[in-house]
Structures are given as structure tokens and as C-alpha cells.
Amino acid sequence: MVYLKKIYFIFIISIISFSVQAQRCDGYHKTGDCKIYRSDGFEYYGQSRSALLEIRKQATFKAVFYGQRDYKVVLCTDYGYYPIHFVISNADTKEILYDNKEDDYVESVGFTIDKTQNLVFDITVLAEDLKAKDAFDLRICTGVNIYWRKVPKMGF
């Protein structure tokens, strides 16, 4: 009977700790480093997301990007776990559109979409300052914040 109570107690504690950890990232992309401070007419895009990611393991995020719009995408994580490596590709053609490794792992990028596309973000929190043994099975909140505006009319 005592063993059953101990097992039940451990089960309840593990459920509570799991749910607290999972909820910790809700809305993370709306805070701190994920915000842009000069909006220039850009609006928050509802497909922005946050997730709990494992250090040095690739995760995939998919979103629809509508044509005739400018976008700004900002990735963020907790201080001390940078850089974040991300690759943007077209979900249908598999063409790589951008790899931030070529820009020293910059956390934000802006671009224009002419025609509606399904894009895939392959995201890896590299946390280069952590030693391999410290990063084992470590999870961290990561956010993808997306802003958009209609392409302004250009010319005369």
C-alpha cells in the first residue's frame, strides 16, 4: 500500500512538472528579443509561434506566407543559448530560400513574397557556449515572431 502511494505521488508530480514546463513557452515569441521595435507599418502575423526545443536538435515550423507582402521574421531564445540556426525553404519545391549560417546566424530576416507559398523553417538552437555534457537533453523556449505588411506601391 505504501509503495502504491509513492508511485501515485511520483506520477502526480511528474504530470505537474511536465505541464508547467510545456506551458512555460506559451506566448514566448511575443516577449523580449522576438519583438521588432521599429514597425514601419508591419503588423503581427497570427502564425507566429513558440515551442520548447531540445538543444542542438532540429525542429520544423511550417507557415503560409501570402503573396504581395513584405515579411520580417525574428527568432529568439533565452539569453545564453544563442546562436539559433535556421533555414527557410519552400515546402512544395524544397528550394532553400535562406540560411542564416551565411550571415553569422543573424536572428532576423526580412523578405518579400510575390506569390503565396508554404514555407518551412528548420530551426536548431546551437547554444555554442554550452559544453556537450551540459546540453544533453536540455530544452529551451524558442520563438518565431512574424510581422507583415502589404507591399507598398513603388514608382511614379
Protein backbone atom coordinates (compact mmCIF):
# COMPACT_ATOMS: atom_id res chain seq x y z
CA MET A 1 0.00 0.00 0.00
CA VAL A 2 2.84 2.40 0.85
CA TYR A 3 4.52 1.66 -2.48
CA LEU A 4 1.28 2.41 -4.32
CA LYS A 5 1.07 5.82 -2.60
CA LYS A 6 4.68 6.58 -3.55
CA ILE A 7 4.08 5.62 -7.17
CA TYR A 8 0.90 7.71 -7.25
CA PHE A 9 2.77 10.70 -5.74
CA ILE A 10 5.60 10.43 -8.27
CA PHE A 11 3.08 10.15 -11.10
CA ILE A 12 1.22 13.31 -9.98
CA ILE A 13 4.46 15.29 -9.54
CA SER A 14 5.72 14.27 -12.99
CA ILE A 15 2.44 15.33 -14.63
CA ILE A 16 2.51 18.69 -12.87
CA SER A 17 6.16 19.36 -13.74
CA PHE A 18 5.56 18.36 -17.39
CA SER A 19 2.55 20.66 -17.74
CA VAL A 20 4.37 23.57 -16.09
CA GLN A 21 7.33 23.12 -18.43
CA ALA A 22 5.11 22.86 -21.52
CA GLN A 23 3.13 25.97 -20.62
CA ARG A 24 6.25 27.99 -19.88
CA CYS A 25 6.70 28.78 -23.57
CA ASP A 26 3.17 29.97 -24.33
CA GLY A 27 3.47 33.43 -25.86
CA TYR A 28 7.26 33.46 -25.57
CA HIS A 29 7.54 34.85 -29.12
CA LYS A 30 5.67 37.98 -28.01
CA THR A 31 8.33 38.95 -25.47
CA GLY A 32 11.81 40.44 -25.34
CA ASP A 33 14.16 39.69 -28.21
CA CYS A 34 11.38 38.48 -30.51
CA LYS A 35 9.83 41.91 -30.88
CA ILE A 36 10.67 44.45 -33.54
CA TYR A 37 10.92 47.95 -32.18
CA ARG A 38 10.51 49.92 -35.39
CA SER A 39 7.42 48.54 -37.06
CA ASP A 40 7.24 50.78 -40.21
CA GLY A 41 3.66 49.68 -40.84
CA PHE A 42 4.27 46.00 -40.10
CA GLU A 43 1.58 44.06 -38.25
CA TYR A 44 1.84 40.98 -36.07
CA TYR A 45 1.16 37.76 -38.01
CA GLY A 46 -1.03 35.18 -36.27
CA GLN A 47 1.09 32.24 -37.43
CA SER A 48 3.90 33.28 -35.09
CA ARG A 49 4.69 30.52 -32.59
CA SER A 50 6.70 29.46 -29.55
CA ALA A 51 7.90 25.98 -28.66
CA LEU A 52 10.05 24.11 -26.23
CA LEU A 53 13.02 22.85 -28.28
CA GLU A 54 15.82 20.49 -27.41
CA ILE A 55 19.28 22.00 -27.71
CA ARG A 56 21.13 21.01 -30.91
CA LYS A 57 18.19 19.04 -32.32
CA GLN A 58 16.42 20.31 -35.41
CA ALA A 59 12.75 21.23 -35.20
CA THR A 60 10.45 22.17 -38.08
CA PHE A 61 7.96 25.02 -38.21
CA LYS A 62 5.61 25.48 -41.19
CA ALA A 63 3.59 28.55 -42.14
CA VAL A 64 1.70 30.02 -45.10
CA PHE A 65 3.12 33.28 -46.45
CA TYR A 66 0.74 35.22 -48.66
CA GLY A 67 1.79 36.97 -51.86
CA GLN A 68 2.30 40.70 -52.32
CA ARG A 69 3.52 41.13 -48.73
CA ASP A 70 6.74 42.10 -47.01
CA TYR A 71 7.68 39.97 -44.00
CA LYS A 72 10.03 40.30 -41.06
CA VAL A 73 10.83 37.11 -39.15
CA VAL A 74 12.56 37.21 -35.77
CA LEU A 75 13.77 34.12 -33.89
CA CYS A 76 14.63 34.23 -30.20
CA THR A 77 15.52 32.07 -27.24
CA ASP A 78 16.67 32.61 -23.68
CA TYR A 79 19.84 34.61 -23.15
CA GLY A 80 22.94 32.43 -23.23
CA TYR A 81 21.57 29.85 -25.67
CA TYR A 82 22.40 31.60 -28.93
CA PRO A 83 23.04 31.25 -31.79
CA ILE A 84 19.95 29.89 -33.47
CA HIS A 85 20.46 28.29 -36.87
CA PHE A 86 17.51 28.43 -39.23
CA VAL A 87 16.94 27.53 -42.84
CA ILE A 88 13.87 28.70 -44.77
CA SER A 89 12.72 26.58 -47.68
CA ASN A 90 9.69 26.25 -49.93
CA ALA A 91 7.57 23.31 -48.74
CA ASP A 92 6.49 22.37 -52.26
CA THR A 93 9.70 22.74 -54.28
CA LYS A 94 12.14 22.03 -51.39
CA GLU A 95 14.20 25.01 -52.63
CA ILE A 96 16.29 26.63 -49.89
CA LEU A 97 15.43 30.32 -49.81
CA TYR A 98 17.62 31.45 -46.91
CA ASP A 99 20.18 30.02 -44.48
CA ASN A 100 21.22 32.33 -41.64
CA LYS A 101 24.52 30.47 -41.27
CA GLU A 102 25.71 32.53 -44.24
CA ASP A 103 25.02 35.72 -42.24
CA ASP A 104 26.73 34.67 -38.98
CA TYR A 105 23.47 33.33 -37.50
CA VAL A 106 21.60 36.63 -37.56
CA GLU A 107 18.31 36.23 -35.64
CA SER A 108 16.06 38.18 -38.02
CA VAL A 109 15.43 38.42 -41.72
CA GLY A 110 13.17 40.47 -43.96
CA PHE A 111 11.87 39.45 -47.38
CA THR A 112 9.05 39.94 -49.88
CA ILE A 113 6.78 37.18 -51.15
CA ASP A 114 5.35 37.66 -54.66
CA LYS A 115 3.05 34.61 -54.73
CA THR A 116 1.56 32.69 -51.81
CA GLN A 117 3.91 29.95 -50.57
CA ASN A 118 4.08 27.34 -47.86
CA LEU A 119 7.41 27.86 -46.12
CA VAL A 120 9.31 25.52 -43.82
CA PHE A 121 11.68 26.74 -41.11
CA ASP A 122 14.22 24.18 -39.93
CA ILE A 123 15.37 25.53 -36.57
CA THR A 124 18.25 24.41 -34.37
CA VAL A 125 19.23 26.12 -31.11
CA LEU A 126 23.01 25.73 -31.22
CA ALA A 127 23.88 27.17 -27.77
CA GLU A 128 27.55 27.25 -28.68
CA ASP A 129 28.65 28.34 -25.21
CA LEU A 130 27.34 25.15 -23.60
CA LYS A 131 29.57 22.14 -23.32
CA ALA A 132 28.17 18.96 -24.85
CA LYS A 133 27.57 17.30 -21.47
CA ASP A 134 25.67 20.37 -20.20
CA ALA A 135 23.44 20.46 -23.29
CA PHE A 136 22.40 16.81 -23.10
CA ASP A 137 18.60 16.60 -23.08
CA LEU A 138 18.30 20.32 -22.32
CA ARG A 139 15.16 22.05 -23.55
CA ILE A 140 14.71 25.77 -24.06
CA CYS A 141 11.91 28.11 -25.14
CA THR A 142 12.28 29.36 -28.69
CA GLY A 143 10.07 31.80 -30.52
CA VAL A 144 9.36 32.59 -34.17
CA ASN A 145 7.75 36.01 -34.45
CA ILE A 146 6.46 37.07 -37.86
CA TYR A 147 5.39 40.54 -38.97
CA TRP A 148 3.86 41.52 -42.32
CA ARG A 149 2.67 44.48 -44.38
CA LYS A 150 1.29 44.89 -47.90
CA VAL A 151 3.97 45.65 -50.48
CA PRO A 152 3.93 49.43 -50.88
CA LYS A 153 3.31 50.86 -54.33
CA MET A 154 6.56 51.97 -55.90
CA GLY A 155 7.38 54.39 -58.70
CA PHE A 156 5.51 57.30 -60.25
